[in-house]
PDB file of N, CA and C in Angstrom:
ATOM      1  N   MET A   1      87.181  83.988 106.201  1.00  0.00           N
ATOM      2  CA  MET A   1      87.805  82.860 104.719  1.00  0.00           C
ATOM      3  C   MET A   1      87.672  83.996 103.477  1.00  0.00           C
ATOM      4  N   PRO A   2      87.204  84.855 104.034  1.00  0.00           N
ATOM      5  CA  PRO A   2      87.507  85.594 102.323  1.00  0.00           C
ATOM      6  C   PRO A   2      88.480  86.516 102.365  1.00  0.00           C
ATOM      7  N   ARG A   3      88.935  86.439 103.176  1.00  0.00           N
ATOM      8  CA  ARG A   3      89.929  87.389 103.143  1.00  0.00           C
ATOM      9  C   ARG A   3      91.457  86.141 102.770  1.00  0.00           C
ATOM     10  N   PHE A   4      91.125  84.558 103.237  1.00  0.00           N
ATOM     11  CA  PHE A   4      91.879  83.806 102.424  1.00  0.00           C
ATOM     12  C   PHE A   4      91.796  83.780 101.092  1.00  0.00           C
ATOM     13  N   LEU A   5      90.785  83.944 100.528  1.00  0.00           N
ATOM     14  CA  LEU A   5      90.594  83.189  98.874  1.00  0.00           C
ATOM     15  C   LEU A   5      90.296  84.363  98.037  1.00  0.00           C
ATOM     16  N   THR A   6      90.219  85.743  98.679  1.00  0.00           N
ATOM     17  CA  THR A   6      91.033  86.744  97.978  1.00  0.00           C
ATOM     18  C   THR A   6      92.407  86.697  98.068  1.00  0.00           C
ATOM     19  N   SER A   7      93.133  86.451  98.634  1.00  0.00           N
ATOM     20  CA  SER A   7      94.276  86.682  98.574  1.00  0.00           C
ATOM     21  C   SER A   7      95.098  85.000  98.196  1.00  0.00           C
ATOM     22  N   TRP A   8      94.104  84.006  97.518  1.00  0.00           N
ATOM     23  CA  TRP A   8      94.590  83.276  96.936  1.00  0.00           C
ATOM     24  C   TRP A   8      94.117  83.706  95.713  1.00  0.00           C
ATOM     25  N   VAL A   9      93.403  84.196  95.055  1.00  0.00           N
ATOM     26  CA  VAL A   9      92.920  84.401  93.894  1.00  0.00           C
ATOM     27  C   VAL A   9      94.048  85.585  93.352  1.00  0.00           C
ATOM     28  N   LEU A  10      94.481  86.143  93.874  1.00  0.00           N
ATOM     29  CA  LEU A  10      95.608  87.330  94.313  1.00  0.00           C
ATOM     30  C   LEU A  10      96.875  86.758  93.818  1.00  0.00           C
ATOM     31  N   SER A  11      97.223  86.024  94.800  1.00  0.00           N
ATOM     32  CA  SER A  11      98.035  85.436  94.427  1.00  0.00           C
ATOM     33  C   SER A  11      98.461  83.749  93.449  1.00  0.00           C
ATOM     34  N   ALA A  12      97.808  83.602  92.878  1.00  0.00           N
ATOM     35  CA  ALA A  12      97.287  82.840  91.593  1.00  0.00           C
ATOM     36  C   ALA A  12      97.362  83.714  90.617  1.00  0.00           C
ATOM     37  N   ALA A  13      96.846  84.710  90.785  1.00  0.00           N
ATOM     38  CA  ALA A  13      97.711  85.425  89.433  1.00  0.00           C
ATOM     39  C   ALA A  13      98.655  86.050  89.432  1.00  0.00           C
ATOM     40  N   ALA A  14      99.303  86.474  90.848  1.00  0.00           N
ATOM     41  CA  ALA A  14     100.887  86.999  90.953  1.00  0.00           C
ATOM     42  C   ALA A  14     101.360  85.869  90.266  1.00  0.00           C
ATOM     43  N   LEU A  15     101.146  84.809  90.627  1.00  0.00           N
ATOM     44  CA  LEU A  15     102.373  84.140  89.773  1.00  0.00           C
ATOM     45  C   LEU A  15     102.279  83.648  89.114  1.00  0.00           C
ATOM     46  N   ALA A  16     101.637  83.395  88.610  1.00  0.00           N
ATOM     47  CA  ALA A  16     101.014  83.143  86.397  1.00  0.00           C
ATOM     48  C   ALA A  16     101.941  84.390  86.312  1.00  0.00           C
ATOM     49  N   ALA A  17     101.250  85.407  86.869  1.00  0.00           N
ATOM     50  CA  ALA A  17     102.326  86.757  86.333  1.00  0.00           C
ATOM     51  C   ALA A  17     103.717  86.518  85.721  1.00  0.00           C
ATOM     52  N   ALA A  18     104.669  86.360  87.432  1.00  0.00           N
ATOM     53  CA  ALA A  18     105.528  85.458  87.380  1.00  0.00           C
ATOM     54  C   ALA A  18     106.772  84.646  86.529  1.00  0.00           C
ATOM     55  N   ALA A  19     105.764  83.970  86.717  1.00  0.00           N
ATOM     56  CA  ALA A  19     105.898  82.744  85.293  1.00  0.00           C
ATOM     57  C   ALA A  19     105.762  83.121  84.225  1.00  0.00           C
ATOM     58  N   GLY A  20     105.242  84.477  84.382  1.00  0.00           N
ATOM     59  CA  GLY A  20     104.897  84.405  82.325  1.00  0.00           C
ATOM     60  C   GLY A  20     105.547  85.047  81.694  1.00  0.00           C
ATOM     61  N   LEU A  21     106.605  86.172  83.080  1.00  0.00           N
ATOM     62  CA  LEU A  21     107.354  87.213  82.603  1.00  0.00           C
ATOM     63  C   LEU A  21     108.983  86.681  82.843  1.00  0.00           C
ATOM     64  N   LEU A  22     108.971  85.745  83.776  1.00  0.00           N
ATOM     65  CA  LEU A  22     110.625  84.613  83.863  1.00  0.00           C
ATOM     66  C   LEU A  22     110.931  83.840  82.614  1.00  0.00           C
ATOM     67  N   GLY A  23     109.629  83.706  81.841  1.00  0.00           N
ATOM     68  CA  GLY A  23     109.629  82.204  81.121  1.00  0.00           C
ATOM     69  C   GLY A  23     110.151  80.662  81.515  1.00  0.00           C
ATOM     70  N   THR A  24     111.714  79.905  81.804  1.00  0.00           N
ATOM     71  CA  THR A  24     111.437  78.728  81.401  1.00  0.00           C
ATOM     72  C   THR A  24     112.568  78.936  83.387  1.00  0.00           C
ATOM     73  N   HIS A  25     112.300  80.173  83.718  1.00  0.00           N
ATOM     74  CA  HIS A  25     113.332  80.450  85.349  1.00  0.00           C
ATOM     75  C   HIS A  25     112.209  80.172  86.168  1.00  0.00           C
ATOM     76  N   MET A  26     111.061  80.025  85.561  1.00  0.00           N
ATOM     77  CA  MET A  26     109.829  79.832  87.039  1.00  0.00           C
ATOM     78  C   MET A  26     108.763  79.286  86.220  1.00  0.00           C
ATOM     79  N   SER A  27     108.874  77.970  86.511  1.00  0.00           N
ATOM     80  CA  SER A  27     106.994  77.365  85.845  1.00  0.00           C
ATOM     81  C   SER A  27     106.354  76.835  86.448  1.00  0.00           C
ATOM     82  N   ILE A  28     104.834  76.796  86.126  1.00  0.00           N
ATOM     83  CA  ILE A  28     104.230  76.521  86.574  1.00  0.00           C
ATOM     84  C   ILE A  28     102.936  75.173  86.077  1.00  0.00           C
ATOM     85  N   GLY A  29     103.021  73.846  86.484  1.00  0.00           N
ATOM     86  CA  GLY A  29     102.595  72.587  85.420  1.00  0.00           C
ATOM     87  C   GLY A  29     103.804  72.719  84.343  1.00  0.00           C
ATOM     88  N   ASP A  30     102.900  71.220  84.071  1.00  0.00           N
ATOM     89  CA  ASP A  30     103.663  70.708  82.712  1.00  0.00           C
ATOM     90  C   ASP A  30     103.542  71.636  81.294  1.00  0.00           C
ATOM     91  N   SER A  31     103.989  71.637  80.657  1.00  0.00           N
ATOM     92  CA  SER A  31     103.891  72.564  79.687  1.00  0.00           C
ATOM     93  C   SER A  31     103.134  71.344  78.323  1.00  0.00           C
ATOM     94  N   SER A  32     102.906  70.150  78.016  1.00  0.00           N
ATOM     95  CA  SER A  32     102.210  69.607  78.003  1.00  0.00           C
ATOM     96  C   SER A  32     101.175  68.766  78.059  1.00  0.00           C
ATOM     97  N   ALA A  33     100.747  69.598  79.365  1.00  0.00           N
ATOM     98  CA  ALA A  33      99.366  69.441  80.133  1.00  0.00           C
ATOM     99  C   ALA A  33      98.132  70.556  79.518  1.00  0.00           C
ATOM    100  N   THR A  34      96.905  70.046  79.708  1.00  0.00           N
ATOM    101  CA  THR A  34      96.135  70.629  79.396  1.00  0.00           C
ATOM    102  C   THR A  34      95.937  71.968  80.132  1.00  0.00           C
ATOM    103  N   MET A  35      94.925  72.949  79.472  1.00  0.00           N
ATOM    104  CA  MET A  35      94.860  73.910  80.286  1.00  0.00           C
ATOM    105  C   MET A  35      94.526  74.022  81.435  1.00  0.00           C
ATOM    106  N   SER A  36      92.920  73.228  81.441  1.00  0.00           N
ATOM    107  CA  SER A  36      92.671  73.084  82.855  1.00  0.00           C
ATOM    108  C   SER A  36      93.684  72.220  83.912  1.00  0.00           C
ATOM    109  N   GLU A  37      94.679  71.129  83.250  1.00  0.00           N
ATOM    110  CA  GLU A  37      95.573  70.713  84.476  1.00  0.00           C
ATOM    111  C   GLU A  37      96.359  72.044  84.803  1.00  0.00           C
ATOM    112  N   GLN A  38      96.447  72.737  84.498  1.00  0.00           N
ATOM    113  CA  GLN A  38      97.506  74.112  84.735  1.00  0.00           C
ATOM    114  C   GLN A  38      96.757  74.967  85.163  1.00  0.00           C
ATOM    115  N   LEU A  39      95.687  74.711  85.263  1.00  0.00           N
ATOM    116  CA  LEU A  39      94.993  76.107  86.494  1.00  0.00           C
ATOM    117  C   LEU A  39      94.395  74.894  87.365  1.00  0.00           C
ATOM    118  N   ILE A  40      94.199  73.964  87.344  1.00  0.00           N
ATOM    119  CA  ILE A  40      94.064  73.405  88.947  1.00  0.00           C
ATOM    120  C   ILE A  40      95.527  72.759  89.082  1.00  0.00           C
ATOM    121  N   THR A  41      96.906  72.720  88.737  1.00  0.00           N
ATOM    122  CA  THR A  41      97.987  73.066  90.019  1.00  0.00           C
ATOM    123  C   THR A  41      98.437  74.372  89.617  1.00  0.00           C
ATOM    124  N   LEU A  42      98.251  76.037  89.126  1.00  0.00           N
ATOM    125  CA  LEU A  42      98.216  76.958  89.196  1.00  0.00           C
ATOM    126  C   LEU A  42      97.569  77.302  91.402  1.00  0.00           C
ATOM    127  N   ALA A  43      95.756  76.431  91.247  1.00  0.00           N
ATOM    128  CA  ALA A  43      95.150  76.892  91.926  1.00  0.00           C
ATOM    129  C   ALA A  43      96.067  76.055  93.569  1.00  0.00           C
ATOM    130  N   VAL A  44      96.838  74.944  93.158  1.00  0.00           N
ATOM    131  CA  VAL A  44      97.501  74.371  94.537  1.00  0.00           C
ATOM    132  C   VAL A  44      98.086  75.510  94.771  1.00  0.00           C
ATOM    133  N   VAL A  45      99.121  75.552  93.649  1.00  0.00           N
ATOM    134  CA  VAL A  45     100.862  76.367  93.883  1.00  0.00           C
ATOM    135  C   VAL A  45     100.349  77.951  94.719  1.00  0.00           C
ATOM    136  N   ALA A  46      99.221  78.344  93.774  1.00  0.00           N
ATOM    137  CA  ALA A  46      98.337  79.595  94.724  1.00  0.00           C
ATOM    138  C   ALA A  46      98.385  79.175  96.062  1.00  0.00           C
ATOM    139  N   ALA A  47      97.352  78.064  96.438  1.00  0.00           N
ATOM    140  CA  ALA A  47      97.439  78.330  98.167  1.00  0.00           C
ATOM    141  C   ALA A  47      98.283  77.634  98.808  1.00  0.00           C
ATOM    142  N   ILE A  48      99.153  76.534  98.480  1.00  0.00           N
ATOM    143  CA  ILE A  48     100.130  76.419  99.030  1.00  0.00           C
ATOM    144  C   ILE A  48     100.961  77.608  99.432  1.00  0.00           C
ATOM    145  N   PHE A  49     101.380  78.808  98.917  1.00  0.00           N
ATOM    146  CA  PHE A  49     101.723  80.336  98.458  1.00  0.00           C
ATOM    147  C   PHE A  49     100.927  80.851  99.628  1.00  0.00           C
ATOM    148  N   THR A  50      99.962  80.903  99.320  1.00  0.00           N
ATOM    149  CA  THR A  50      98.668  82.000 100.160  1.00  0.00           C
ATOM    150  C   THR A  50      98.829  81.258 101.589  1.00  0.00           C
ATOM    151  N   VAL A  51      98.857  79.900 102.072  1.00  0.00           N
ATOM    152  CA  VAL A  51      98.897  79.641 103.511  1.00  0.00           C
ATOM    153  C   VAL A  51     100.034  80.001 103.923  1.00  0.00           C
ATOM    154  N   ILE A  52     101.504  79.878 103.175  1.00  0.00           N
ATOM    155  CA  ILE A  52     102.775  80.199 103.659  1.00  0.00           C
ATOM    156  C   ILE A  52     102.283  82.118 103.819  1.00  0.00           C
ATOM    157  N   ASN A  53     102.191  82.297 103.034  1.00  0.00           N
ATOM    158  CA  ASN A  53     101.549  84.033 103.408  1.00  0.00           C
ATOM    159  C   ASN A  53     100.688  84.090 104.287  1.00  0.00           C
ATOM    160  N   MET A  54     100.278  83.476 104.823  1.00  0.00           N
ATOM    161  CA  MET A  54      99.045  83.342 105.775  1.00  0.00           C
ATOM    162  C   MET A  54     100.277  83.358 107.021  1.00  0.00           C
ATOM    163  N   PHE A  55     100.785  81.836 107.624  1.00  0.00           N
ATOM    164  CA  PHE A  55     101.594  81.346 108.476  1.00  0.00           C
ATOM    165  C   PHE A  55     102.564  81.664 108.936  1.00  0.00           C
ATOM    166  N   VAL A  56     103.223  81.945 107.667  1.00  0.00           N
ATOM    167  CA  VAL A  56     104.945  81.122 107.947  1.00  0.00           C
ATOM    168  C   VAL A  56     105.486  82.740 108.108  1.00  0.00           C
ATOM    169  N   ALA A  57     105.191  83.636 106.970  1.00  0.00           N
ATOM    170  CA  ALA A  57     105.576  84.465 106.364  1.00  0.00           C
ATOM    171  C   ALA A  57     105.109  85.637 107.949  1.00  0.00           C
ATOM    172  N   PRO A  58     104.680  85.979 108.371  1.00  0.00           N
ATOM    173  CA  PRO A  58     104.324  87.391 109.751  1.00  0.00           C
ATOM    174  C   PRO A  58     105.308  87.061 111.051  1.00  0.00           C
ATOM    175  N   VAL A  59     105.646  85.418 110.853  1.00  0.00           N
ATOM    176  CA  VAL A  59     106.345  85.641 112.239  1.00  0.00           C
ATOM    177  C   VAL A  59     107.883  85.728 111.483  1.00  0.00           C
ATOM    178  N   VAL A  60     108.625  85.351 110.470  1.00  0.00           N
ATOM    179  CA  VAL A  60     109.683  85.549 110.209  1.00  0.00           C
ATOM    180  C   VAL A  60     109.706  86.815 109.905  1.00  0.00           C
ATOM    181  N   LYS A  61     108.377  87.305 109.448  1.00  0.00           N
ATOM    182  CA  LYS A  61     109.169  89.499 109.151  1.00  0.00           C
ATOM    183  C   LYS A  61     109.306  89.534 110.793  1.00  0.00           C
ATOM    184  N   LEU A  62     108.526  89.251 111.857  1.00  0.00           N
ATOM    185  CA  LEU A  62     108.334  89.932 113.178  1.00  0.00           C
ATOM    186  C   LEU A  62     109.718  89.110 113.563  1.00  0.00           C
ATOM    187  N   LEU A  63     110.605  87.847 113.553  1.00  0.00           N
ATOM    188  CA  LEU A  63     111.402  87.508 113.928  1.00  0.00           C
ATOM    189  C   LEU A  63     112.624  88.505 113.700  1.00  0.00           C
ATOM    190  N   SER A  64     112.587  89.161 112.587  1.00  0.00           N
ATOM    191  CA  SER A  64     113.467  89.705 111.733  1.00  0.00           C
ATOM    192  C   SER A  64     113.301  90.883 111.660  1.00  0.00           C
ATOM    193  N   LEU A  65     112.407  91.473 111.992  1.00  0.00           N
ATOM    194  CA  LEU A  65     111.994  92.571 111.975  1.00  0.00           C
ATOM    195  C   LEU A  65     113.684  93.895 112.078  1.00  0.00           C
ATOM    196  N   PRO A  66     114.222  93.977 113.547  1.00  0.00           N
ATOM    197  CA  PRO A  66     115.302  94.956 113.599  1.00  0.00           C
ATOM    198  C   PRO A  66     116.812  94.813 112.362  1.00  0.00           C
ATOM    199  N   PHE A  67     116.549  93.547 111.285  1.00  0.00           N
ATOM    200  CA  PHE A  67     117.297  93.776 110.140  1.00  0.00           C
ATOM    201  C   PHE A  67     116.849  94.197 109.055  1.00  0.00           C
ATOM    202  N   ILE A  68     115.352  94.456 108.722  1.00  0.00           N
ATOM    203  CA  ILE A  68     114.638  94.340 108.038  1.00  0.00           C
ATOM    204  C   ILE A  68     114.289  95.955 108.206  1.00  0.00           C
ATOM    205  N   ILE A  69     115.045  96.813 109.396  1.00  0.00           N
ATOM    206  CA  ILE A  69     114.675  97.825 110.019  1.00  0.00           C
ATOM    207  C   ILE A  69     116.476  98.553 109.148  1.00  0.00           C
ATOM    208  N   LEU A  70     117.242  97.604 110.049  1.00  0.00           N
ATOM    209  CA  LEU A  70     118.377  97.884 109.883  1.00  0.00           C
ATOM    210  C   LEU A  70     118.813  97.945 108.038  1.00  0.00           C
ATOM    211  N   THR A  71     118.733  97.663 107.090  1.00  0.00           N
ATOM    212  CA  THR A  71     118.825  97.177 105.426  1.00  0.00           C
ATOM    213  C   THR A  71     117.624  97.937 104.928  1.00  0.00           C
ATOM    214  N   LEU A  72     116.981  99.442 105.413  1.00  0.00           N
ATOM    215  CA  LEU A  72     116.014  99.784 104.710  1.00  0.00           C
ATOM    216  C   LEU A  72     114.779  99.270 104.356  1.00  0.00           C
ATOM    217  N   GLY A  73     114.698  97.827 104.669  1.00  0.00           N
ATOM    218  CA  GLY A  73     113.477  96.911 103.500  1.00  0.00           C
ATOM    219  C   GLY A  73     113.905  96.165 102.905  1.00  0.00           C
ATOM    220  N   LEU A  74     115.170  95.864 102.415  1.00  0.00           N
ATOM    221  CA  LEU A  74     115.628  95.084 101.449  1.00  0.00           C
ATOM    222  C   LEU A  74     115.781  94.143 101.766  1.00  0.00           C
ATOM    223  N   LEU A  75     116.406  93.415 103.388  1.00  0.00           N
ATOM    224  CA  LEU A  75     115.664  92.268 103.533  1.00  0.00           C
ATOM    225  C   LEU A  75     113.976  91.242 103.170  1.00  0.00           C
ATOM    226  N   LEU A  76     113.742  92.285 102.953  1.00  0.00           N
ATOM    227  CA  LEU A  76     111.897  91.540 102.642  1.00  0.00           C
ATOM    228  C   LEU A  76     111.687  90.858 101.552  1.00  0.00           C
ATOM    229  N   LEU A  77     112.755  91.561 100.297  1.00  0.00           N
ATOM    230  CA  LEU A  77     113.533  90.783  98.937  1.00  0.00           C
ATOM    231  C   LEU A  77     114.126  89.641  99.327  1.00  0.00           C
ATOM    232  N   VAL A  78     114.102  89.597 100.140  1.00  0.00           N
ATOM    233  CA  VAL A  78     115.229  88.295 100.540  1.00  0.00           C
ATOM    234  C   VAL A  78     114.687  87.339 101.156  1.00  0.00           C
ATOM    235  N   ILE A  79     113.901  87.740 101.787  1.00  0.00           N
ATOM    236  CA  ILE A  79     112.792  87.168 102.968  1.00  0.00           C
ATOM    237  C   ILE A  79     111.828  86.347 101.435  1.00  0.00           C
ATOM    238  N   ASN A  80     111.009  86.971 100.908  1.00  0.00           N
ATOM    239  CA  ASN A  80     109.832  87.111  99.978  1.00  0.00           C
ATOM    240  C   ASN A  80     110.789  85.908  99.377  1.00  0.00           C
ATOM    241  N   ALA A  81     111.997  85.846  98.835  1.00  0.00           N
ATOM    242  CA  ALA A  81     112.130  85.050  97.436  1.00  0.00           C
ATOM    243  C   ALA A  81     112.663  83.411  98.481  1.00  0.00           C
ATOM    244  N   LEU A  82     113.378  83.714  99.725  1.00  0.00           N
ATOM    245  CA  LEU A  82     112.861  82.311 100.725  1.00  0.00           C
ATOM    246  C   LEU A  82     112.020  81.986 100.940  1.00  0.00           C
ATOM    247  N   LEU A  83     110.730  83.176 100.831  1.00  0.00           N
ATOM    248  CA  LEU A  83     109.509  81.782 100.846  1.00  0.00           C
ATOM    249  C   LEU A  83     108.642  81.583  99.718  1.00  0.00           C
ATOM    250  N   LEU A  84     109.228  81.712  98.127  1.00  0.00           N
ATOM    251  CA  LEU A  84     109.019  81.479  97.190  1.00  0.00           C
ATOM    252  C   LEU A  84     110.173  79.713  97.264  1.00  0.00           C
ATOM    253  N   LEU A  85     110.757  79.566  97.415  1.00  0.00           N
ATOM    254  CA  LEU A  85     111.641  78.628  97.260  1.00  0.00           C
ATOM    255  C   LEU A  85     110.906  77.753  98.397  1.00  0.00           C
ATOM    256  N   LEU A  86     110.361  78.676  99.415  1.00  0.00           N
ATOM    257  CA  LEU A  86     109.810  77.261 100.187  1.00  0.00           C
ATOM    258  C   LEU A  86     108.663  77.109  99.638  1.00  0.00           C
ATOM    259  N   THR A  87     108.319  77.136  98.913  1.00  0.00           N
ATOM    260  CA  THR A  87     106.642  76.986  98.276  1.00  0.00           C
ATOM    261  C   THR A  87     107.693  75.718  97.285  1.00  0.00           C
ATOM    262  N   ASP A  88     108.682  76.495  96.498  1.00  0.00           N
ATOM    263  CA  ASP A  88     108.374  75.465  95.840  1.00  0.00           C
ATOM    264  C   ASP A  88     108.754  73.834  96.412  1.00  0.00           C
ATOM    265  N   TRP A  89     109.472  73.863  97.196  1.00  0.00           N
ATOM    266  CA  TRP A  89     109.795  72.981  98.294  1.00  0.00           C
ATOM    267  C   TRP A  89     109.010  71.713  98.812  1.00  0.00           C
ATOM    268  N   ILE A  90     107.943  72.985  99.002  1.00  0.00           N
ATOM    269  CA  ILE A  90     106.585  72.343  98.952  1.00  0.00           C
ATOM    270  C   ILE A  90     105.498  71.474  98.432  1.00  0.00           C
ATOM    271  N   ALA A  91     106.262  72.169  97.607  1.00  0.00           N
ATOM    272  CA  ALA A  91     104.856  71.933  95.807  1.00  0.00           C
ATOM    273  C   ALA A  91     105.823  70.679  95.383  1.00  0.00           C
ATOM    274  N   GLU A  92     106.987  70.293  95.439  1.00  0.00           N
ATOM    275  CA  GLU A  92     107.941  69.373  94.850  1.00  0.00           C
ATOM    276  C   GLU A  92     107.255  68.023  96.019  1.00  0.00           C
ATOM    277  N   GLN A  93     107.364  68.066  97.118  1.00  0.00           N
ATOM    278  CA  GLN A  93     107.287  67.534  98.076  1.00  0.00           C
ATOM    279  C   GLN A  93     105.305  66.640  98.046  1.00  0.00           C
ATOM    280  N   LEU A  94     104.558  67.687  97.900  1.00  0.00           N
ATOM    281  CA  LEU A  94     102.844  67.183  97.217  1.00  0.00           C
ATOM    282  C   LEU A  94     103.316  66.304  95.746  1.00  0.00           C
ATOM    283  N   ASP A  95     104.719  66.350  95.113  1.00  0.00           N
ATOM    284  CA  ASP A  95     104.038  65.941  93.707  1.00  0.00           C
ATOM    285  C   ASP A  95     103.911  66.984  92.630  1.00  0.00           C
ATOM    286  N   VAL A  96     103.977  68.467  92.953  1.00  0.00           N
ATOM    287  CA  VAL A  96     102.944  69.531  92.401  1.00  0.00           C
ATOM    288  C   VAL A  96     104.199  70.070  90.975  1.00  0.00           C
ATOM    289  N   ALA A  97     103.688  70.532  90.205  1.00  0.00           N
ATOM    290  CA  ALA A  97     104.563  70.972  89.270  1.00  0.00           C
ATOM    291  C   ALA A  97     105.236  72.112  89.235  1.00  0.00           C
ATOM    292  N   PHE A  98     105.700  72.744  90.194  1.00  0.00           N
ATOM    293  CA  PHE A  98     106.672  73.589  90.443  1.00  0.00           C
ATOM    294  C   PHE A  98     107.463  74.251  90.443  1.00  0.00           C
ATOM    295  N   PHE A  99     108.396  75.093  89.914  1.00  0.00           N
ATOM    296  CA  PHE A  99     110.157  75.043  89.660  1.00  0.00           C
ATOM    297  C   PHE A  99     110.822  76.456  89.252  1.00  0.00           C
ATOM    298  N   VAL A 100     111.577  76.996  90.541  1.00  0.00           N
ATOM    299  CA  VAL A 100     111.650  78.005  90.472  1.00  0.00           C
ATOM    300  C   VAL A 100     113.304  77.966  90.674  1.00  0.00           C
ATOM    301  N   ASP A 101     114.038  78.829  89.634  1.00  0.00           N
ATOM    302  CA  ASP A 101     115.812  78.410  88.997  1.00  0.00           C
ATOM    303  C   ASP A 101     116.520  79.144  89.935  1.00  0.00           C
ATOM    304  N   GLY A 102     116.429  78.341  91.340  1.00  0.00           N
ATOM    305  CA  GLY A 102     117.369  79.006  91.879  1.00  0.00           C
ATOM    306  C   GLY A 102     117.548  80.492  92.827  1.00  0.00           C
ATOM    307  N   PHE A 103     117.788  80.961  93.474  1.00  0.00           N
ATOM    308  CA  PHE A 103     117.543  82.111  94.745  1.00  0.00           C
ATOM    309  C   PHE A 103     117.472  83.483  93.822  1.00  0.00           C
ATOM    310  N   ARG A 104     118.549  83.609  92.543  1.00  0.00           N
ATOM    311  CA  ARG A 104     118.377  84.927  92.093  1.00  0.00           C
ATOM    312  C   ARG A 104     117.109  84.987  91.639  1.00  0.00           C
ATOM    313  N   TRP A 105     116.943  84.083  90.894  1.00  0.00           N
ATOM    314  CA  TRP A 105     115.440  84.455  89.623  1.00  0.00           C
ATOM    315  C   TRP A 105     114.109  84.448  90.531  1.00  0.00           C
ATOM    316  N   ALA A 106     114.226  83.550  91.847  1.00  0.00           N
ATOM    317  CA  ALA A 106     113.443  84.065  93.403  1.00  0.00           C
ATOM    318  C   ALA A 106     113.499  84.892  93.864  1.00  0.00           C
ATOM    319  N   ILE A 107     114.907  86.200  93.934  1.00  0.00           N
ATOM    320  CA  ILE A 107     114.547  87.177  94.661  1.00  0.00           C
ATOM    321  C   ILE A 107     113.434  88.130  92.628  1.00  0.00           C
ATOM    322  N   LEU A 108     113.621  87.807  91.814  1.00  0.00           N
ATOM    323  CA  LEU A 108     113.155  88.324  90.977  1.00  0.00           C
ATOM    324  C   LEU A 108     111.584  88.256  90.446  1.00  0.00           C
ATOM    325  N   GLY A 109     111.460  86.905  90.750  1.00  0.00           N
ATOM    326  CA  GLY A 109     109.943  86.202  91.076  1.00  0.00           C
ATOM    327  C   GLY A 109     109.328  86.652  92.425  1.00  0.00           C
ATOM    328  N   ALA A 110     109.834  86.934  92.987  1.00  0.00           N
ATOM    329  CA  ALA A 110     109.336  87.661  93.934  1.00  0.00           C
ATOM    330  C   ALA A 110     108.793  89.414  94.302  1.00  0.00           C
ATOM    331  N   VAL A 111     110.129  90.014  93.398  1.00  0.00           N
ATOM    332  CA  VAL A 111     109.715  91.419  92.854  1.00  0.00           C
ATOM    333  C   VAL A 111     108.219  91.420  91.856  1.00  0.00           C
ATOM    334  N   VAL A 112     108.413  90.575  91.169  1.00  0.00           N
ATOM    335  CA  VAL A 112     107.246  90.876  90.561  1.00  0.00           C
ATOM    336  C   VAL A 112     106.113  90.025  91.103  1.00  0.00           C
ATOM    337  N   ILE A 113     106.057  88.965  91.886  1.00  0.00           N
ATOM    338  CA  ILE A 113     104.963  88.502  92.607  1.00  0.00           C
ATOM    339  C   ILE A 113     104.261  90.393  93.547  1.00  0.00           C
ATOM    340  N   SER A 114     105.919  90.468  94.149  1.00  0.00           N
ATOM    341  CA  SER A 114     105.239  91.807  95.057  1.00  0.00           C
ATOM    342  C   SER A 114     104.494  92.972  94.280  1.00  0.00           C
ATOM    343  N   VAL A 115     105.147  93.147  92.647  1.00  0.00           N
ATOM    344  CA  VAL A 115     104.525  94.211  92.586  1.00  0.00           C
ATOM    345  C   VAL A 115     103.036  94.182  92.065  1.00  0.00           C
ATOM    346  N   VAL A 116     102.873  92.518  91.098  1.00  0.00           N
ATOM    347  CA  VAL A 116     101.616  92.608  90.581  1.00  0.00           C
ATOM    348  C   VAL A 116     100.247  92.125  91.954  1.00  0.00           C
ATOM    349  N   ASN A 117     100.879  91.545  93.161  1.00  0.00           N
ATOM    350  CA  ASN A 117      99.928  91.841  94.494  1.00  0.00           C
ATOM    351  C   ASN A 117      99.514  92.803  94.497  1.00  0.00           C
ATOM    352  N   ALA A 118     100.869  94.245  94.501  1.00  0.00           N
ATOM    353  CA  ALA A 118     100.360  95.539  94.762  1.00  0.00           C
ATOM    354  C   ALA A 118      99.270  96.232  94.320  1.00  0.00           C
ATOM    355  N   VAL A 119      99.427  95.969  93.269  1.00  0.00           N
ATOM    356  CA  VAL A 119      98.599  96.875  91.598  1.00  0.00           C
ATOM    357  C   VAL A 119      97.305  96.079  92.155  1.00  0.00           C
ATOM    358  N   LEU A 120      96.979  94.564  91.865  1.00  0.00           N
ATOM    359  CA  LEU A 120      95.768  94.018  92.514  1.00  0.00           C
ATOM    360  C   LEU A 120      94.618  93.767  93.272  1.00  0.00           C
ATOM    361  N   GLY A 121      95.933  94.399  94.447  1.00  0.00           N
ATOM    362  CA  GLY A 121      94.981  94.447  96.198  1.00  0.00           C
ATOM    363  C   GLY A 121      94.237  96.280  95.662  1.00  0.00           C
ATOM    364  N   THR A 122      95.279  96.887  95.005  1.00  0.00           N
ATOM    365  CA  THR A 122      94.888  98.079  95.615  1.00  0.00           C
ATOM    366  C   THR A 122      92.781  97.800  94.461  1.00  0.00           C
ATOM    367  N   PHE A 123      92.498  97.376  93.703  1.00  0.00           N
ATOM    368  CA  PHE A 123      91.786  97.533  93.141  1.00  0.00           C
ATOM    369  C   PHE A 123      90.899  96.109  93.559  1.00  0.00           C
ATOM    370  N   SER A 124      91.202  94.908  94.853  1.00  0.00           N
ATOM    371  CA  SER A 124      90.486  94.352  95.086  1.00  0.00           C
ATOM    372  C   SER A 124      90.138  95.130  96.567  1.00  0.00           C
ATOM    373  N   LYS A 125      90.117  96.145  97.135  1.00  0.00           N
ATOM    374  CA  LYS A 125      89.915  96.820  97.939  1.00  0.00           C
ATOM    375  C   LYS A 125      88.867  97.434  97.785  1.00  0.00           C
ATOM    376  N   LYS A 126      88.917  98.265  96.263  1.00  0.00           N
ATOM    377  CA  LYS A 126      87.732  98.840  95.805  1.00  0.00           C
ATOM    378  C   LYS A 126      85.822  97.960  95.923  1.00  0.00           C
TER     379      LYS A 126
END
């Protein structure tokens, strides 16, 4: 359970950073919502993203391992972008305000999320 909570908080920070950097191409929550509503939306989206990264991502990465090796790890960017789009789709099905503007922006968002997770992950282990 502590691993899930740590990953949830780190994912929330990374998603907020990506949404802040990508502007209108990636948004979490409605712009007309209050701050507490936006934080609740961020928490729900981060929970969805964390569950996907804990259960779906390892299976997909294991099945695509030969192609990841063949592309020297660049396929991981595509996989992470697809997982971000899957988060967008699930959030849409649950009527949660989360939006990613296409595959190109999902790749850029995945890069930002990976960098923020890596930086914050080093601090969380200490």
